[in-house]
Amino acid sequence: MPEAASYRKVDLHTHSTRSDGRFSPTELVDLAVEQGVSLFALTDHDTLDGIVEASQRAVEHGLSFIHGVELSTQWEGVPLHMVALNFSLDNAALQSIVNENQAIRLDRARRIADLLVKQGLPDLFDEAVALAGESQLGRPHFATLLVEKGFVKDANKAFDRYLGNKKLGQLRDVWPELEDVLTALAGQNIELILAHPKRYPLTVTKLKRLLGDFKKWGGTGIEVVSGNERPDSVRLLERLSREFDLKASVGSDYHGPFGPWMQVGKFTQIHESEVDLVWKKWK
């Protein structure tokens, strides 16, 4: 069987303006179609808000669309991301996790505003919330306000002078434990995928321990590639997906047109015949 016999152009990790992406859900689906993608998921951070809009646009194009979300969690104090795929929007357990994470994000923004006040700036919290609108509230919104109000000349200066980790600290959020998230969602025909495993500050030994826990608690797959990763990293993740009997997922982790190496449907090639593809059942 040829290597690409099971292949359709797939992208199961993307972001829109409903979290921290550059394009609206509609525009993102349009771009996916333009790039020849045939199976697509919107996976905004800790929000389901863009799924209905993206789904409706996908129907108009005849594009196969999978419900997705990227959930923030932690394991042994290390912040991790997990992509949930193929769920119902009325899933109560998932809605509860999303709501909890949104509350954490809002509290984080409040802390950012308070720390800026301590640096002699006005309280920008309400304006930042209004500026964010439907998108995910974060430091870039505060940076925009600092530029608009004349405190700095551009966003880079805003981060250098006020918003960088040296000024605000790490602002580590207390995300829900990976075990709690997985056990809440396991057994519901949802694909629970560890996102971009090579981006975490983990040795291979510790990554294997994480994957053992991930599998034990109900995880079903890992992203063997996320965007323009090194081929040797992809080969390692393919081997680990087989070793831990975890399905292989793929995605661009597209946020916007930040370089020629970033595009919807574009990522380092995988050896499809050597792994259990998460999308093989999605006709």
C-alpha atoms as a PDB file:
ATOM      1  CA  MET A   1       0.000   0.000   0.000  1.00  0.00           C
ATOM      2  CA  PRO A   2       1.456   3.426  -0.923  1.00  0.00           C
ATOM      3  CA  GLU A   3       2.411   5.614   2.032  1.00  0.00           C
ATOM      4  CA  ALA A   4      -0.310   8.164   1.250  1.00  0.00           C
ATOM      5  CA  ALA A   5      -3.099   5.663   0.555  1.00  0.00           C
ATOM      6  CA  SER A   6      -4.899   6.538   3.802  1.00  0.00           C
ATOM      7  CA  TYR A   7      -4.147  10.229   3.477  1.00  0.00           C
ATOM      8  CA  ARG A   8      -6.499  13.105   3.187  1.00  0.00           C
ATOM      9  CA  LYS A   9      -5.191  16.598   3.827  1.00  0.00           C
ATOM     10  CA  VAL A  10      -5.909  16.843   7.518  1.00  0.00           C
ATOM     11  CA  ASP A  11      -5.484  19.627  10.076  1.00  0.00           C
ATOM     12  CA  LEU A  12      -6.730  18.902  13.584  1.00  0.00           C
ATOM     13  CA  HIS A  13      -5.144  21.820  15.473  1.00  0.00           C
ATOM     14  CA  THR A  14      -5.926  25.444  14.543  1.00  0.00           C
ATOM     15  CA  HIS A  15      -6.883  28.709  16.265  1.00  0.00           C
ATOM     16  CA  SER A  16      -9.230  31.559  15.403  1.00  0.00           C
ATOM     17  CA  THR A  17      -9.964  35.013  16.835  1.00  0.00           C
ATOM     18  CA  ARG A  18     -12.109  33.321  19.479  1.00  0.00           C
ATOM     19  CA  SER A  19      -8.851  32.580  21.285  1.00  0.00           C
ATOM     20  CA  ASP A  20      -5.499  33.889  20.030  1.00  0.00           C
ATOM     21  CA  GLY A  21      -5.667  33.381  16.263  1.00  0.00           C
ATOM     22  CA  ARG A  22      -5.582  36.033  13.539  1.00  0.00           C
ATOM     23  CA  PHE A  23      -8.632  34.932  11.493  1.00  0.00           C
ATOM     24  CA  SER A  24     -12.294  34.526  12.394  1.00  0.00           C
ATOM     25  CA  PRO A  25     -13.723  30.979  12.388  1.00  0.00           C
ATOM     26  CA  THR A  26     -15.326  31.671   9.005  1.00  0.00           C
ATOM     27  CA  GLU A  27     -12.108  33.052   7.534  1.00  0.00           C
ATOM     28  CA  LEU A  28     -10.138  30.129   8.920  1.00  0.00           C
ATOM     29  CA  VAL A  29     -12.449  27.584   7.269  1.00  0.00           C
ATOM     30  CA  ASP A  30     -12.211  29.521   4.005  1.00  0.00           C
ATOM     31  CA  LEU A  31      -8.419  29.349   4.273  1.00  0.00           C
ATOM     32  CA  ALA A  32      -8.517  25.613   4.974  1.00  0.00           C
ATOM     33  CA  VAL A  33     -10.560  25.046   1.824  1.00  0.00           C
ATOM     34  CA  GLU A  34      -8.199  27.273  -0.161  1.00  0.00           C
ATOM     35  CA  GLN A  35      -5.275  25.138   1.058  1.00  0.00           C
ATOM     36  CA  GLY A  36      -6.965  21.913  -0.018  1.00  0.00           C
ATOM     37  CA  VAL A  37      -7.725  20.630   3.482  1.00  0.00           C
ATOM     38  CA  SER A  38     -10.487  18.014   3.514  1.00  0.00           C
ATOM     39  CA  LEU A  39     -10.719  17.229   7.254  1.00  0.00           C
ATOM     40  CA  PHE A  40     -10.493  20.142   9.653  1.00  0.00           C
ATOM     41  CA  ALA A  41     -10.845  20.972  13.354  1.00  0.00           C
ATOM     42  CA  LEU A  42     -10.989  24.325  15.127  1.00  0.00           C
ATOM     43  CA  THR A  43      -9.263  23.951  18.501  1.00  0.00           C
ATOM     44  CA  ASP A  44      -9.296  27.327  20.221  1.00  0.00           C
ATOM     45  CA  HIS A  45      -7.836  27.628  23.705  1.00  0.00           C
ATOM     46  CA  ASP A  46     -10.363  26.818  26.442  1.00  0.00           C
ATOM     47  CA  THR A  47     -13.394  27.970  24.468  1.00  0.00           C
ATOM     48  CA  LEU A  48     -16.074  26.397  22.289  1.00  0.00           C
ATOM     49  CA  ASP A  49     -17.400  29.747  21.070  1.00  0.00           C
ATOM     50  CA  GLY A  50     -16.222  29.519  17.457  1.00  0.00           C
ATOM     51  CA  ILE A  51     -17.350  25.987  16.707  1.00  0.00           C
ATOM     52  CA  VAL A  52     -20.893  26.712  15.510  1.00  0.00           C
ATOM     53  CA  GLU A  53     -19.711  29.462  13.152  1.00  0.00           C
ATOM     54  CA  ALA A  54     -16.902  27.296  11.761  1.00  0.00           C
ATOM     55  CA  SER A  55     -19.187  24.286  11.419  1.00  0.00           C
ATOM     56  CA  GLN A  56     -21.771  26.253   9.457  1.00  0.00           C
ATOM     57  CA  ARG A  57     -19.118  27.566   7.084  1.00  0.00           C
ATOM     58  CA  ALA A  58     -17.676  24.071   6.664  1.00  0.00           C
ATOM     59  CA  VAL A  59     -21.114  22.784   5.629  1.00  0.00           C
ATOM     60  CA  GLU A  60     -21.314  25.502   2.984  1.00  0.00           C
ATOM     61  CA  HIS A  61     -17.978  24.331   1.559  1.00  0.00           C
ATOM     62  CA  GLY A  62     -18.633  20.606   1.954  1.00  0.00           C
ATOM     63  CA  LEU A  63     -15.633  20.404   4.279  1.00  0.00           C
ATOM     64  CA  SER A  64     -15.521  17.595   6.854  1.00  0.00           C
ATOM     65  CA  PHE A  65     -15.432  19.336  10.227  1.00  0.00           C
ATOM     66  CA  ILE A  66     -14.556  17.953  13.666  1.00  0.00           C
ATOM     67  CA  HIS A  67     -15.432  19.709  16.928  1.00  0.00           C
ATOM     68  CA  GLY A  68     -12.266  20.552  18.847  1.00  0.00           C
ATOM     69  CA  VAL A  69     -10.843  22.524  21.765  1.00  0.00           C
ATOM     70  CA  GLU A  70      -7.366  22.906  23.273  1.00  0.00           C
ATOM     71  CA  LEU A  71      -7.590  22.576  27.045  1.00  0.00           C
ATOM     72  CA  SER A  72      -5.026  23.967  29.501  1.00  0.00           C
ATOM     73  CA  THR A  73      -3.989  21.486  32.200  1.00  0.00           C
ATOM     74  CA  GLN A  74      -0.977  20.667  34.360  1.00  0.00           C
ATOM     75  CA  TRP A  75       0.968  17.529  35.247  1.00  0.00           C
ATOM     76  CA  GLU A  76       3.427  17.523  38.144  1.00  0.00           C
ATOM     77  CA  GLY A  77       3.430  21.319  38.026  1.00  0.00           C
ATOM     78  CA  VAL A  78       4.204  21.473  34.292  1.00  0.00           C
ATOM     79  CA  PRO A  79       1.584  23.339  32.204  1.00  0.00           C
ATOM     80  CA  LEU A  80       0.339  21.108  29.385  1.00  0.00           C
ATOM     81  CA  HIS A  81      -2.166  21.412  26.550  1.00  0.00           C
ATOM     82  CA  MET A  82      -4.599  18.698  25.537  1.00  0.00           C
ATOM     83  CA  VAL A  83      -6.709  18.721  22.388  1.00  0.00           C
ATOM     84  CA  ALA A  84     -10.172  17.188  22.697  1.00  0.00           C
ATOM     85  CA  LEU A  85     -11.737  16.128  19.381  1.00  0.00           C
ATOM     86  CA  ASN A  86     -15.099  14.798  18.233  1.00  0.00           C
ATOM     87  CA  PHE A  87     -17.396  15.770  21.108  1.00  0.00           C
ATOM     88  CA  SER A  88     -20.934  17.054  21.428  1.00  0.00           C
ATOM     89  CA  LEU A  89     -21.313  20.727  22.286  1.00  0.00           C
ATOM     90  CA  ASP A  90     -23.760  19.818  25.049  1.00  0.00           C
ATOM     91  CA  ASN A  91     -21.209  17.654  26.900  1.00  0.00           C
ATOM     92  CA  ALA A  92     -21.624  18.856  30.499  1.00  0.00           C
ATOM     93  CA  ALA A  93     -18.215  17.666  31.708  1.00  0.00           C
ATOM     94  CA  LEU A  94     -16.409  19.475  28.912  1.00  0.00           C
ATOM     95  CA  GLN A  95     -18.432  22.639  29.420  1.00  0.00           C
ATOM     96  CA  SER A  96     -17.510  22.602  33.113  1.00  0.00           C
ATOM     97  CA  ILE A  97     -13.774  22.332  32.330  1.00  0.00           C
ATOM     98  CA  VAL A  98     -13.993  25.133  29.769  1.00  0.00           C
ATOM     99  CA  ASN A  99     -15.855  27.387  32.208  1.00  0.00           C
ATOM    100  CA  GLU A 100     -13.280  26.737  34.940  1.00  0.00           C
ATOM    101  CA  ASN A 101     -10.415  27.558  32.600  1.00  0.00           C
ATOM    102  CA  GLN A 102     -12.114  30.738  31.416  1.00  0.00           C
ATOM    103  CA  ALA A 103     -12.408  31.861  35.042  1.00  0.00           C
ATOM    104  CA  ILE A 104      -8.675  31.185  35.509  1.00  0.00           C
ATOM    105  CA  ARG A 105      -7.880  33.264  32.429  1.00  0.00           C
ATOM    106  CA  LEU A 106     -10.029  36.158  33.633  1.00  0.00           C
ATOM    107  CA  ASP A 107      -8.342  36.076  37.035  1.00  0.00           C
ATOM    108  CA  ARG A 108      -4.969  36.150  35.283  1.00  0.00           C
ATOM    109  CA  ALA A 109      -5.967  39.288  33.374  1.00  0.00           C
ATOM    110  CA  ARG A 110      -7.064  40.925  36.619  1.00  0.00           C
ATOM    111  CA  ARG A 111      -3.650  40.159  38.114  1.00  0.00           C
ATOM    112  CA  ILE A 112      -1.910  41.646  35.059  1.00  0.00           C
ATOM    113  CA  ALA A 113      -3.941  44.841  35.431  1.00  0.00           C
ATOM    114  CA  ASP A 114      -3.106  45.065  39.145  1.00  0.00           C
ATOM    115  CA  LEU A 115       0.616  44.588  38.461  1.00  0.00           C
ATOM    116  CA  LEU A 116       0.523  47.346  35.834  1.00  0.00           C
ATOM    117  CA  VAL A 117      -1.085  49.654  38.388  1.00  0.00           C
ATOM    118  CA  LYS A 118       1.820  48.913  40.724  1.00  0.00           C
ATOM    119  CA  GLN A 119       4.120  50.130  37.924  1.00  0.00           C
ATOM    120  CA  GLY A 120       2.338  53.478  37.930  1.00  0.00           C
ATOM    121  CA  LEU A 121      -0.149  52.855  35.108  1.00  0.00           C
ATOM    122  CA  PRO A 122      -3.954  53.292  35.245  1.00  0.00           C
ATOM    123  CA  ASP A 123      -6.244  50.316  35.778  1.00  0.00           C
ATOM    124  CA  LEU A 124      -6.769  48.967  32.255  1.00  0.00           C
ATOM    125  CA  PHE A 125      -8.749  45.834  33.126  1.00  0.00           C
ATOM    126  CA  ASP A 126     -12.204  46.925  31.922  1.00  0.00           C
ATOM    127  CA  GLU A 127     -10.813  48.426  28.732  1.00  0.00           C
ATOM    128  CA  ALA A 128      -8.817  45.277  28.034  1.00  0.00           C
ATOM    129  CA  VAL A 129     -11.933  43.137  28.476  1.00  0.00           C
ATOM    130  CA  ALA A 130     -13.843  45.390  26.061  1.00  0.00           C
ATOM    131  CA  LEU A 131     -10.985  45.359  23.551  1.00  0.00           C
ATOM    132  CA  ALA A 132     -10.713  41.556  23.644  1.00  0.00           C
ATOM    133  CA  GLY A 133     -14.396  41.133  22.829  1.00  0.00           C
ATOM    134  CA  GLU A 134     -14.900  37.541  21.698  1.00  0.00           C
ATOM    135  CA  SER A 135     -11.170  36.773  21.636  1.00  0.00           C
ATOM    136  CA  GLN A 136      -9.081  35.344  24.470  1.00  0.00           C
ATOM    137  CA  LEU A 137      -8.105  38.136  26.859  1.00  0.00           C
ATOM    138  CA  GLY A 138      -4.348  38.347  27.370  1.00  0.00           C
ATOM    139  CA  ARG A 139      -1.217  40.479  27.445  1.00  0.00           C
ATOM    140  CA  PRO A 140      -1.480  41.573  23.767  1.00  0.00           C
ATOM    141  CA  HIS A 141      -4.682  43.463  24.589  1.00  0.00           C
ATOM    142  CA  PHE A 142      -2.948  45.341  27.388  1.00  0.00           C
ATOM    143  CA  ALA A 143      -0.067  46.062  25.004  1.00  0.00           C
ATOM    144  CA  THR A 144      -2.472  47.544  22.457  1.00  0.00           C
ATOM    145  CA  LEU A 145      -3.963  49.828  25.088  1.00  0.00           C
ATOM    146  CA  LEU A 146      -0.540  50.991  26.245  1.00  0.00           C
ATOM    147  CA  VAL A 147       0.277  51.969  22.652  1.00  0.00           C
ATOM    148  CA  GLU A 148      -3.083  53.672  22.110  1.00  0.00           C
ATOM    149  CA  LYS A 149      -2.696  55.698  25.298  1.00  0.00           C
ATOM    150  CA  GLY A 150       0.801  56.821  24.402  1.00  0.00           C
ATOM    151  CA  PHE A 151       2.689  55.044  27.184  1.00  0.00           C
ATOM    152  CA  VAL A 152       4.866  53.238  24.619  1.00  0.00           C
ATOM    153  CA  LYS A 153       5.428  53.571  20.885  1.00  0.00           C
ATOM    154  CA  ASP A 154       4.729  49.950  19.945  1.00  0.00           C
ATOM    155  CA  ALA A 155       3.764  46.537  21.329  1.00  0.00           C
ATOM    156  CA  ASN A 156       7.386  45.387  21.610  1.00  0.00           C
ATOM    157  CA  LYS A 157       8.139  48.325  23.905  1.00  0.00           C
ATOM    158  CA  ALA A 158       5.030  47.500  25.922  1.00  0.00           C
ATOM    159  CA  PHE A 159       6.382  44.032  26.633  1.00  0.00           C
ATOM    160  CA  ASP A 160       9.912  45.301  27.253  1.00  0.00           C
ATOM    161  CA  ARG A 161       8.867  47.992  29.728  1.00  0.00           C
ATOM    162  CA  TYR A 162       5.707  46.638  31.354  1.00  0.00           C
ATOM    163  CA  LEU A 163       4.410  43.235  30.270  1.00  0.00           C
ATOM    164  CA  GLY A 164       7.428  40.938  30.063  1.00  0.00           C
ATOM    165  CA  ASN A 165       8.101  38.224  32.611  1.00  0.00           C
ATOM    166  CA  LYS A 166      10.841  40.347  34.174  1.00  0.00           C
ATOM    167  CA  LYS A 167       8.195  42.938  35.030  1.00  0.00           C
ATOM    168  CA  LEU A 168       5.153  40.782  35.776  1.00  0.00           C
ATOM    169  CA  GLY A 169       6.780  37.530  36.836  1.00  0.00           C
ATOM    170  CA  GLN A 170       5.834  34.173  35.369  1.00  0.00           C
ATOM    171  CA  LEU A 171       2.137  34.526  36.291  1.00  0.00           C
ATOM    172  CA  ARG A 172       1.846  30.775  36.529  1.00  0.00           C
ATOM    173  CA  ASP A 173      -1.811  29.781  36.430  1.00  0.00           C
ATOM    174  CA  VAL A 174      -3.193  26.953  38.518  1.00  0.00           C
ATOM    175  CA  TRP A 175      -4.696  24.934  35.698  1.00  0.00           C
ATOM    176  CA  PRO A 176      -6.727  21.805  36.480  1.00  0.00           C
ATOM    177  CA  GLU A 177      -4.783  18.600  36.952  1.00  0.00           C
ATOM    178  CA  LEU A 178      -4.378  16.457  33.841  1.00  0.00           C
ATOM    179  CA  GLU A 179      -5.711  13.424  35.694  1.00  0.00           C
ATOM    180  CA  ASP A 180      -8.912  15.249  36.645  1.00  0.00           C
ATOM    181  CA  VAL A 181      -9.515  16.496  33.100  1.00  0.00           C
ATOM    182  CA  LEU A 182      -8.860  13.123  31.509  1.00  0.00           C
ATOM    183  CA  THR A 183     -10.984  11.113  33.919  1.00  0.00           C
ATOM    184  CA  ALA A 184     -13.851  13.585  33.514  1.00  0.00           C
ATOM    185  CA  LEU A 185     -13.847  13.123  29.732  1.00  0.00           C
ATOM    186  CA  ALA A 186     -12.686   9.521  29.285  1.00  0.00           C
ATOM    187  CA  GLY A 187     -15.059   6.855  28.011  1.00  0.00           C
ATOM    188  CA  GLN A 188     -17.287   9.287  26.101  1.00  0.00           C
ATOM    189  CA  ASN A 189     -16.040   8.578  22.562  1.00  0.00           C
ATOM    190  CA  ILE A 190     -13.970  11.784  22.665  1.00  0.00           C
ATOM    191  CA  GLU A 191     -10.433  11.686  21.313  1.00  0.00           C
ATOM    192  CA  LEU A 192      -8.159  13.067  24.037  1.00  0.00           C
ATOM    193  CA  ILE A 193      -4.862  14.093  22.438  1.00  0.00           C
ATOM    194  CA  LEU A 194      -1.702  15.349  24.113  1.00  0.00           C
ATOM    195  CA  ALA A 195      -0.782  18.470  22.141  1.00  0.00           C
ATOM    196  CA  HIS A 196       2.764  19.068  20.819  1.00  0.00           C
ATOM    197  CA  PRO A 197       4.568  16.764  23.290  1.00  0.00           C
ATOM    198  CA  LYS A 198       8.058  17.944  22.298  1.00  0.00           C
ATOM    199  CA  ARG A 199       7.412  21.551  23.328  1.00  0.00           C
ATOM    200  CA  TYR A 200       7.357  20.851  27.044  1.00  0.00           C
ATOM    201  CA  PRO A 201      10.500  21.081  29.216  1.00  0.00           C
ATOM    202  CA  LEU A 202      10.678  17.308  29.647  1.00  0.00           C
ATOM    203  CA  THR A 203      13.419  14.774  29.077  1.00  0.00           C
ATOM    204  CA  VAL A 204      12.480  11.731  27.009  1.00  0.00           C
ATOM    205  CA  THR A 205      12.390   9.696  30.214  1.00  0.00           C
ATOM    206  CA  LYS A 206       9.967  12.116  31.842  1.00  0.00           C
ATOM    207  CA  LEU A 207       7.908  12.369  28.654  1.00  0.00           C
ATOM    208  CA  LYS A 208       7.501   8.602  28.713  1.00  0.00           C
ATOM    209  CA  ARG A 209       6.297   8.803  32.316  1.00  0.00           C
ATOM    210  CA  LEU A 210       3.812  11.479  31.265  1.00  0.00           C
ATOM    211  CA  LEU A 211       2.561   9.304  28.400  1.00  0.00           C
ATOM    212  CA  GLY A 212       2.142   6.373  30.780  1.00  0.00           C
ATOM    213  CA  ASP A 213      -0.051   8.502  33.041  1.00  0.00           C
ATOM    214  CA  PHE A 214      -1.854   9.998  30.044  1.00  0.00           C
ATOM    215  CA  LYS A 215      -2.779   6.555  28.743  1.00  0.00           C
ATOM    216  CA  LYS A 216      -3.704   5.242  32.210  1.00  0.00           C
ATOM    217  CA  TRP A 217      -6.091   8.138  32.867  1.00  0.00           C
ATOM    218  CA  GLY A 218      -7.942   7.799  29.567  1.00  0.00           C
ATOM    219  CA  GLY A 219      -5.893   9.671  26.966  1.00  0.00           C
ATOM    220  CA  THR A 220      -6.289   8.262  23.470  1.00  0.00           C
ATOM    221  CA  GLY A 221      -3.625   9.905  21.323  1.00  0.00           C
ATOM    222  CA  ILE A 222      -0.732  12.295  20.834  1.00  0.00           C
ATOM    223  CA  GLU A 223       0.141  14.840  18.188  1.00  0.00           C
ATOM    224  CA  VAL A 224       3.022  13.191  16.382  1.00  0.00           C
ATOM    225  CA  VAL A 225       3.540  16.457  14.547  1.00  0.00           C
ATOM    226  CA  SER A 226       2.444  20.030  15.224  1.00  0.00           C
ATOM    227  CA  GLY A 227       3.530  22.473  12.561  1.00  0.00           C
ATOM    228  CA  ASN A 228       7.058  22.668  11.229  1.00  0.00           C
ATOM    229  CA  GLU A 229       8.748  20.274  13.644  1.00  0.00           C
ATOM    230  CA  ARG A 230      12.097  18.594  13.114  1.00  0.00           C
ATOM    231  CA  PRO A 231      11.771  15.221  11.381  1.00  0.00           C
ATOM    232  CA  ASP A 232      13.735  13.479  14.144  1.00  0.00           C
ATOM    233  CA  SER A 233      11.225  14.747  16.713  1.00  0.00           C
ATOM    234  CA  VAL A 234       8.372  13.426  14.581  1.00  0.00           C
ATOM    235  CA  ARG A 235      10.050  10.020  14.273  1.00  0.00           C
ATOM    236  CA  LEU A 236      10.452   9.901  18.072  1.00  0.00           C
ATOM    237  CA  LEU A 237       6.780  10.727  18.622  1.00  0.00           C
ATOM    238  CA  GLU A 238       5.733   8.120  16.071  1.00  0.00           C
ATOM    239  CA  ARG A 239       7.720   5.525  18.037  1.00  0.00           C
ATOM    240  CA  LEU A 240       6.182   6.672  21.319  1.00  0.00           C
ATOM    241  CA  SER A 241       2.672   6.517  19.877  1.00  0.00           C
ATOM    242  CA  ARG A 242       3.297   2.857  19.049  1.00  0.00           C
ATOM    243  CA  GLU A 243       5.007   2.100  22.352  1.00  0.00           C
ATOM    244  CA  PHE A 244       2.122   3.492  24.400  1.00  0.00           C
ATOM    245  CA  ASP A 245      -0.644   2.388  22.001  1.00  0.00           C
ATOM    246  CA  LEU A 246      -1.790   5.966  21.441  1.00  0.00           C
ATOM    247  CA  LYS A 247      -3.377   7.175  18.209  1.00  0.00           C
ATOM    248  CA  ALA A 248      -1.508   9.674  16.054  1.00  0.00           C
ATOM    249  CA  SER A 249      -2.951  13.120  15.443  1.00  0.00           C
ATOM    250  CA  VAL A 250      -1.579  15.940  13.289  1.00  0.00           C
ATOM    251  CA  GLY A 251      -2.063  19.673  13.023  1.00  0.00           C
ATOM    252  CA  SER A 252      -0.501  22.950  11.987  1.00  0.00           C
ATOM    253  CA  ASP A 253      -1.257  24.747  15.278  1.00  0.00           C
ATOM    254  CA  TYR A 254      -2.034  27.634  12.950  1.00  0.00           C
ATOM    255  CA  HIS A 255      -2.555  31.048  14.571  1.00  0.00           C
ATOM    256  CA  GLY A 256      -1.954  33.325  11.617  1.00  0.00           C
ATOM    257  CA  PRO A 257       0.320  34.163   8.665  1.00  0.00           C
ATOM    258  CA  PHE A 258       3.472  34.734  10.697  1.00  0.00           C
ATOM    259  CA  GLY A 259       5.864  33.207   8.174  1.00  0.00           C
ATOM    260  CA  PRO A 260       6.032  31.029   5.053  1.00  0.00           C
ATOM    261  CA  TRP A 261       6.535  27.947   7.253  1.00  0.00           C
ATOM    262  CA  MET A 262       3.117  28.453   8.878  1.00  0.00           C
ATOM    263  CA  GLN A 263      -0.032  27.542   6.984  1.00  0.00           C
ATOM    264  CA  VAL A 264      -3.254  25.661   7.571  1.00  0.00           C
ATOM    265  CA  GLY A 265      -2.759  22.041   6.551  1.00  0.00           C
ATOM    266  CA  LYS A 266       1.036  22.357   6.564  1.00  0.00           C
ATOM    267  CA  PHE A 267       3.245  20.293   8.856  1.00  0.00           C
ATOM    268  CA  THR A 268       6.210  17.940   8.743  1.00  0.00           C
ATOM    269  CA  GLN A 269       5.375  14.700   6.919  1.00  0.00           C
ATOM    270  CA  ILE A 270       4.566  11.640   9.022  1.00  0.00           C
ATOM    271  CA  HIS A 271       4.856   7.923   8.262  1.00  0.00           C
ATOM    272  CA  GLU A 272       1.132   7.206   8.150  1.00  0.00           C
ATOM    273  CA  SER A 273       1.453   3.465   7.611  1.00  0.00           C
ATOM    274  CA  GLU A 274       3.454   3.094  10.857  1.00  0.00           C
ATOM    275  CA  VAL A 275       0.948   4.675  13.263  1.00  0.00           C
ATOM    276  CA  ASP A 276      -2.731   4.373  14.184  1.00  0.00           C
ATOM    277  CA  LEU A 277      -4.254   7.482  12.597  1.00  0.00           C
ATOM    278  CA  VAL A 278      -6.852   9.171  14.787  1.00  0.00           C
ATOM    279  CA  TRP A 279      -8.826  10.286  11.735  1.00  0.00           C
ATOM    280  CA  LYS A 280      -9.075   6.938   9.939  1.00  0.00           C
ATOM    281  CA  LYS A 281     -12.634   6.413  11.231  1.00  0.00           C
ATOM    282  CA  TRP A 282     -13.825   9.889  10.181  1.00  0.00           C
ATOM    283  CA  LYS A 283     -15.067   9.381   6.648  1.00  0.00           C
END
